[in-house]
Amino acid sequence: MKKLFVFILMMSVFQLASAQDLMDMLNDSAVKTNEIVHATFKGTRLINFHTIETAGKRTLEFRVAHRFGDLSSGGYGFYGLDGPASLNLSFNYSFDGRFEIGVSRTSVDKLYSGYLKYRLIRQKSNGKMPISITLLSEMNVVGLKSSNATNPEYHYFDDRFSYVHQIMVASKISEAFSFQVSPTMVHYNLMTNISDHNDIYSVVGMGRMKISKRTALTAEYCYRINKYSPEFAKNHNSVAVGMDLETGGHVFQFFFTNSFGINEAQAIPYTKGDVLKGNLKLGFNISRVFTL
């Protein structure tokens, strides 16, 4: 009887332990299926435009963006490498990984910019929240002398300002593929002609396809909705294709684009490059993050 009692007791303890292990496995599985989806894109910008991503917690990102001249310049212009070139330097910081503040300076029109970016909704791995939504508001001011700027006459300081507002909606459809759509409004305080519209509406679409552990193909396209100006209607929609290379703490992006301006307020209305005529430019972005 004692042996039978000991055997039953041991079996009960074994079954209890097994049940506890099973419950732990189920709990772990539930947690994993409710995790936030990370790395929809590898940078806070894809090529010319913002992604839903923000810097990590207590993280500062330094970014260098560069565009060479047109490939159509041929051998004499060394296929755009002789210039003219555009350059953007930017810093952005996030304390909590959701709210980000950024500043930048672009060589084209000596444009100074500041923006606020917030991750409103984040995609969940269980499928109950299949998308991420990030909001962006940006303010820009032209620093170039009035006689040389895109809008040639600034009578008041307010005339130099433009604004960008975006709602970015993205989904990491698989480990290899991510997609984003961004309704965008650009507002200019001053337009060239009195008949021009101050508000420019567009939709930006972008995608990223991972082809190896540290390499991905990227593409983006901006469709301008309203014909805000007869002059601007002669310009073209911004388009770019490229590749991401991850190297430790750096993300190196190189690409071809028809946009000379790097900021949204420049790339959306002022892209003059005609892809069909070979007006493409080689460009690269380099970002480095620092934990503070």
Protein backbone atom coordinates (compact mmCIF):
# COMPACT_ATOMS: atom_id res chain seq x y z
CA MET A 1 0.00 0.00 0.00
CA LYS A 2 2.87 2.37 0.80
CA LYS A 3 4.45 1.69 -2.60
CA LEU A 4 1.13 2.30 -4.33
CA PHE A 5 0.64 5.55 -2.39
CA VAL A 6 4.14 6.79 -3.30
CA PHE A 7 3.57 5.88 -6.97
CA ILE A 8 0.25 7.79 -7.09
CA LEU A 9 1.84 10.81 -5.37
CA MET A 10 4.74 10.87 -7.84
CA MET A 11 2.38 10.61 -10.80
CA SER A 12 0.27 13.50 -9.44
CA VAL A 13 3.33 15.71 -8.99
CA PHE A 14 4.50 14.83 -12.53
CA GLN A 15 1.09 15.65 -14.03
CA LEU A 16 0.93 18.93 -12.10
CA ALA A 17 4.39 19.93 -13.35
CA SER A 18 3.49 18.98 -16.90
CA ALA A 19 0.29 21.00 -16.70
CA GLN A 20 2.23 24.00 -15.37
CA ASP A 21 4.77 23.68 -18.22
CA LEU A 22 1.92 23.56 -20.69
CA MET A 23 0.32 26.66 -19.17
CA ASP A 24 3.67 28.49 -19.32
CA MET A 25 4.05 27.55 -22.98
CA LEU A 26 0.54 28.77 -23.74
CA ASN A 27 1.15 32.03 -21.87
CA ASP A 28 4.44 32.57 -23.71
CA SER A 29 2.70 31.87 -27.01
CA ALA A 30 -0.07 34.35 -26.16
CA VAL A 31 2.48 37.04 -25.33
CA LYS A 32 4.40 36.42 -28.55
CA THR A 33 1.28 36.60 -30.71
CA ASN A 34 0.42 39.94 -29.10
CA GLU A 35 3.82 41.51 -29.65
CA ILE A 36 4.30 44.80 -31.48
CA VAL A 37 5.63 44.35 -34.99
CA HIS A 38 9.08 45.92 -35.31
CA ALA A 39 11.27 46.98 -38.25
CA THR A 40 8.50 47.53 -40.78
CA PHE A 41 11.16 49.69 -42.42
CA LYS A 42 14.82 49.97 -41.48
CA GLY A 43 14.95 53.76 -41.29
CA THR A 44 12.90 56.81 -40.39
CA ARG A 45 13.00 57.67 -44.11
CA LEU A 46 12.92 55.25 -47.02
CA ILE A 47 14.46 57.39 -49.80
CA ASN A 48 12.95 60.87 -50.13
CA PHE A 49 10.01 60.46 -47.76
CA HIS A 50 9.32 59.58 -44.14
CA THR A 51 8.35 56.07 -43.04
CA ILE A 52 6.20 55.19 -40.02
CA GLU A 53 9.38 54.43 -38.06
CA THR A 54 10.67 56.66 -35.28
CA ALA A 55 13.97 56.51 -33.43
CA GLY A 56 14.14 54.03 -30.53
CA LYS A 57 13.87 54.91 -26.85
CA ARG A 58 16.38 57.60 -25.85
CA THR A 59 17.92 57.37 -29.30
CA LEU A 60 19.45 60.12 -31.42
CA GLU A 61 19.74 59.56 -35.17
CA PHE A 62 22.13 61.53 -37.38
CA ARG A 63 21.40 61.36 -41.08
CA VAL A 64 23.23 62.51 -44.21
CA ALA A 65 21.31 62.61 -47.52
CA HIS A 66 22.95 63.45 -50.84
CA ARG A 67 21.76 63.76 -54.45
CA PHE A 68 24.11 64.15 -57.41
CA GLY A 69 23.28 65.75 -60.77
CA ASP A 70 21.46 64.18 -63.73
CA LEU A 71 22.77 61.00 -65.32
CA SER A 72 21.75 62.62 -68.62
CA SER A 73 24.76 64.97 -68.33
CA GLY A 74 26.75 62.12 -69.90
CA GLY A 75 30.46 61.54 -69.71
CA TYR A 76 31.31 65.24 -69.80
CA GLY A 77 29.45 65.74 -66.49
CA PHE A 78 30.62 62.32 -65.27
CA TYR A 79 26.97 61.22 -65.29
CA GLY A 80 25.94 63.70 -62.63
CA LEU A 81 28.84 63.24 -60.23
CA ASP A 82 30.24 66.65 -61.23
CA GLY A 83 27.07 68.20 -59.83
CA PRO A 84 25.22 70.28 -59.10
CA ALA A 85 24.41 68.34 -55.92
CA SER A 86 21.97 68.70 -53.04
CA LEU A 87 22.75 67.84 -49.42
CA ASN A 88 20.65 67.41 -46.30
CA LEU A 89 21.89 67.02 -42.71
CA SER A 90 19.39 66.05 -40.03
CA PHE A 91 19.11 65.10 -36.37
CA ASN A 92 16.10 63.42 -34.83
CA TYR A 93 15.53 62.19 -31.27
CA SER A 94 12.94 60.13 -29.40
CA PHE A 95 12.70 59.70 -25.64
CA ASP A 96 10.04 56.99 -25.59
CA GLY A 97 10.30 55.40 -29.05
CA ARG A 98 6.94 56.81 -30.20
CA PHE A 99 7.21 60.62 -30.17
CA GLU A 100 10.05 62.03 -32.26
CA ILE A 101 11.35 65.53 -32.86
CA GLY A 102 13.69 66.36 -35.73
CA VAL A 103 15.59 69.25 -37.32
CA SER A 104 17.40 69.46 -40.64
CA ARG A 105 19.07 71.76 -43.12
CA THR A 106 18.94 71.30 -46.91
CA SER A 107 21.34 73.01 -49.32
CA VAL A 108 18.59 73.64 -51.91
CA ASP A 109 17.18 77.10 -51.08
CA LYS A 110 19.14 76.81 -47.78
CA LEU A 111 16.00 75.28 -46.28
CA TYR A 112 15.73 74.89 -42.48
CA SER A 113 13.17 72.38 -41.21
CA GLY A 114 11.71 71.09 -37.97
CA TYR A 115 9.13 68.36 -37.49
CA LEU A 116 7.12 66.40 -34.94
CA LYS A 117 6.32 62.74 -35.55
CA TYR A 118 4.15 60.40 -33.47
CA ARG A 119 3.43 56.66 -33.75
CA LEU A 120 -0.30 56.68 -33.08
CA ILE A 121 -1.06 52.99 -33.73
CA ARG A 122 1.38 50.07 -33.91
CA GLN A 123 0.83 46.80 -35.75
CA LYS A 124 0.40 43.65 -33.62
CA SER A 125 1.67 40.21 -34.54
CA ASN A 126 -1.66 38.53 -33.63
CA GLY A 127 -3.40 40.22 -36.56
CA LYS A 128 -5.91 42.15 -34.43
CA MET A 129 -4.15 45.36 -35.45
CA PRO A 130 -2.82 44.74 -38.99
CA ILE A 131 -1.52 48.27 -39.63
CA SER A 132 0.65 50.98 -38.10
CA ILE A 133 -0.27 54.67 -38.26
CA THR A 134 2.16 57.55 -37.74
CA LEU A 135 1.42 61.27 -37.90
CA LEU A 136 3.84 63.95 -39.11
CA SER A 137 3.80 67.75 -39.08
CA GLU A 138 6.74 69.69 -40.48
CA MET A 139 7.61 73.38 -40.78
CA ASN A 140 10.15 74.75 -43.28
CA VAL A 141 11.68 78.17 -43.80
CA VAL A 142 13.74 79.29 -46.81
CA GLY A 143 17.06 80.90 -45.89
CA LEU A 144 18.21 81.85 -49.38
CA LYS A 145 18.30 85.51 -50.41
CA SER A 146 15.07 86.60 -52.03
CA SER A 147 16.51 87.30 -55.47
CA ASN A 148 17.74 83.70 -55.85
CA ALA A 149 15.03 81.63 -54.18
CA THR A 150 12.43 79.49 -55.95
CA ASN A 151 9.77 82.07 -55.09
CA PRO A 152 11.75 85.16 -56.13
CA GLU A 153 10.24 87.89 -53.93
CA TYR A 154 9.66 87.53 -50.18
CA HIS A 155 8.15 90.78 -48.92
CA TYR A 156 7.49 89.41 -45.42
CA PHE A 157 9.28 86.83 -43.30
CA ASP A 158 6.09 84.70 -43.20
CA ASP A 159 6.32 84.33 -46.98
CA ARG A 160 9.31 82.03 -46.52
CA PHE A 161 7.36 79.35 -44.64
CA SER A 162 5.90 76.10 -45.91
CA TYR A 163 4.33 73.18 -44.04
CA VAL A 164 3.95 69.43 -44.57
CA HIS A 165 1.31 67.22 -42.93
CA GLN A 166 1.17 63.44 -43.41
CA ILE A 167 -0.82 60.45 -42.22
CA MET A 168 1.35 57.38 -42.77
CA VAL A 169 -0.37 53.98 -42.86
CA ALA A 170 1.86 50.91 -43.20
CA SER A 171 1.82 47.15 -42.77
CA LYS A 172 4.56 44.56 -42.49
CA ILE A 173 2.83 41.97 -44.61
CA SER A 174 5.56 39.37 -44.10
CA GLU A 175 9.11 39.20 -42.80
CA ALA A 176 10.25 40.08 -46.31
CA PHE A 177 7.74 42.70 -47.51
CA SER A 178 6.42 45.99 -46.10
CA PHE A 179 4.17 48.60 -47.71
CA GLN A 180 3.10 52.16 -46.82
CA VAL A 181 0.60 54.73 -48.11
CA SER A 182 0.80 58.38 -46.97
CA PRO A 183 -1.86 61.01 -47.79
CA THR A 184 0.07 64.29 -47.76
CA MET A 185 -0.66 68.01 -47.79
CA VAL A 186 1.97 70.66 -48.50
CA HIS A 187 1.05 74.28 -47.74
CA TYR A 188 2.99 77.30 -49.02
CA ASN A 189 2.36 80.72 -47.48
CA LEU A 190 3.47 82.36 -50.74
CA MET A 191 2.93 81.12 -54.30
CA THR A 192 4.45 82.44 -57.50
CA ASN A 193 1.17 83.55 -59.13
CA ILE A 194 -2.02 84.87 -57.58
CA SER A 195 -4.00 82.08 -59.29
CA ASP A 196 -1.89 79.30 -57.73
CA HIS A 197 -3.22 77.14 -54.93
CA ASN A 198 -1.42 77.33 -51.58
CA ASP A 199 -2.34 73.74 -50.68
CA ILE A 200 -0.87 70.82 -52.61
CA TYR A 201 -2.38 67.36 -52.09
CA SER A 202 -0.64 64.10 -52.92
CA VAL A 203 -0.36 60.43 -51.97
CA VAL A 204 3.00 58.76 -51.36
CA GLY A 205 3.33 55.00 -51.79
CA MET A 206 6.42 53.02 -50.83
CA GLY A 207 7.55 49.43 -50.43
CA ARG A 208 10.48 47.43 -49.10
CA MET A 209 11.41 43.87 -50.12
CA LYS A 210 14.03 42.09 -48.04
CA ILE A 211 16.32 39.90 -50.17
CA SER A 212 18.88 38.86 -47.55
CA LYS A 213 19.59 39.33 -43.84
CA ARG A 214 21.13 42.78 -44.38
CA THR A 215 19.91 43.80 -47.84
CA ALA A 216 16.55 45.04 -49.15
CA LEU A 217 15.15 46.55 -52.34
CA THR A 218 13.13 49.78 -51.93
CA ALA A 219 10.86 51.93 -54.06
CA GLU A 220 8.60 54.97 -53.61
CA TYR A 221 6.27 57.08 -55.74
CA CYS A 222 4.40 60.32 -55.10
CA TYR A 223 1.18 61.00 -57.00
CA ARG A 224 0.13 64.68 -57.03
CA ILE A 225 -3.65 64.97 -56.85
CA ASN A 226 -4.57 68.61 -57.53
CA LYS A 227 -3.27 70.82 -60.35
CA TYR A 228 -2.24 73.58 -58.00
CA SER A 229 -0.41 75.67 -60.59
CA PRO A 230 0.00 75.77 -64.40
CA GLU A 231 3.73 76.18 -63.78
CA PHE A 232 3.98 73.25 -61.36
CA ALA A 233 1.79 71.08 -63.60
CA LYS A 234 4.78 70.93 -65.95
CA ASN A 235 6.78 69.24 -63.22
CA HIS A 236 6.72 65.50 -62.52
CA ASN A 237 5.76 63.07 -59.79
CA SER A 238 8.65 62.05 -57.56
CA VAL A 239 9.85 58.47 -58.04
CA ALA A 240 12.82 56.53 -56.64
CA VAL A 241 14.18 52.97 -56.55
CA GLY A 242 17.09 51.79 -54.45
CA MET A 243 18.67 49.38 -52.02
CA ASP A 244 19.19 49.28 -48.23
CA LEU A 245 22.44 47.90 -46.78
CA GLU A 246 22.69 47.35 -43.02
CA THR A 247 26.17 47.50 -41.53
CA GLY A 248 26.14 47.36 -37.75
CA GLY A 249 24.86 50.68 -36.38
CA HIS A 250 24.66 52.20 -39.86
CA VAL A 251 22.02 51.91 -42.56
CA PHE A 252 23.38 52.80 -46.00
CA GLN A 253 20.82 53.51 -48.73
CA PHE A 254 21.70 54.17 -52.36
CA PHE A 255 19.19 54.78 -55.12
CA PHE A 256 18.14 56.57 -58.31
CA THR A 257 15.53 59.34 -58.19
CA ASN A 258 14.20 62.12 -60.40
CA SER A 259 13.95 64.52 -57.42
CA PHE A 260 16.70 67.03 -56.72
CA GLY A 261 15.08 68.43 -53.57
CA ILE A 262 15.29 66.19 -50.50
CA ASN A 263 12.59 67.72 -48.30
CA GLU A 264 8.91 66.89 -49.01
CA ALA A 265 8.13 70.57 -49.58
CA GLN A 266 10.66 70.50 -52.42
CA ALA A 267 10.32 66.98 -53.84
CA ILE A 268 6.52 66.98 -54.17
CA PRO A 269 5.91 70.24 -56.10
CA TYR A 270 9.35 70.94 -57.60
CA THR A 271 10.49 67.63 -59.12
CA LYS A 272 11.51 68.60 -62.65
CA GLY A 273 13.21 65.35 -63.71
CA ASP A 274 11.45 63.42 -66.47
CA VAL A 275 12.15 59.70 -65.99
CA LEU A 276 11.31 58.96 -69.64
CA LYS A 277 14.10 61.34 -70.71
CA GLY A 278 16.63 59.79 -68.35
CA ASN A 279 16.57 62.67 -65.86
CA LEU A 280 17.60 60.47 -62.93
CA LYS A 281 20.05 61.24 -60.18
CA LEU A 282 22.22 58.91 -58.14
CA GLY A 283 21.83 59.47 -54.42
CA PHE A 284 22.62 57.99 -51.04
CA ASN A 285 21.48 58.27 -47.42
CA ILE A 286 23.58 57.29 -44.41
CA SER A 287 22.16 57.12 -40.89
CA ARG A 288 23.84 56.47 -37.54
CA VAL A 289 22.06 56.03 -34.21
CA PHE A 290 23.32 56.85 -30.72
CA THR A 291 21.74 55.76 -27.42
CA LEU A 292 21.62 58.63 -24.93
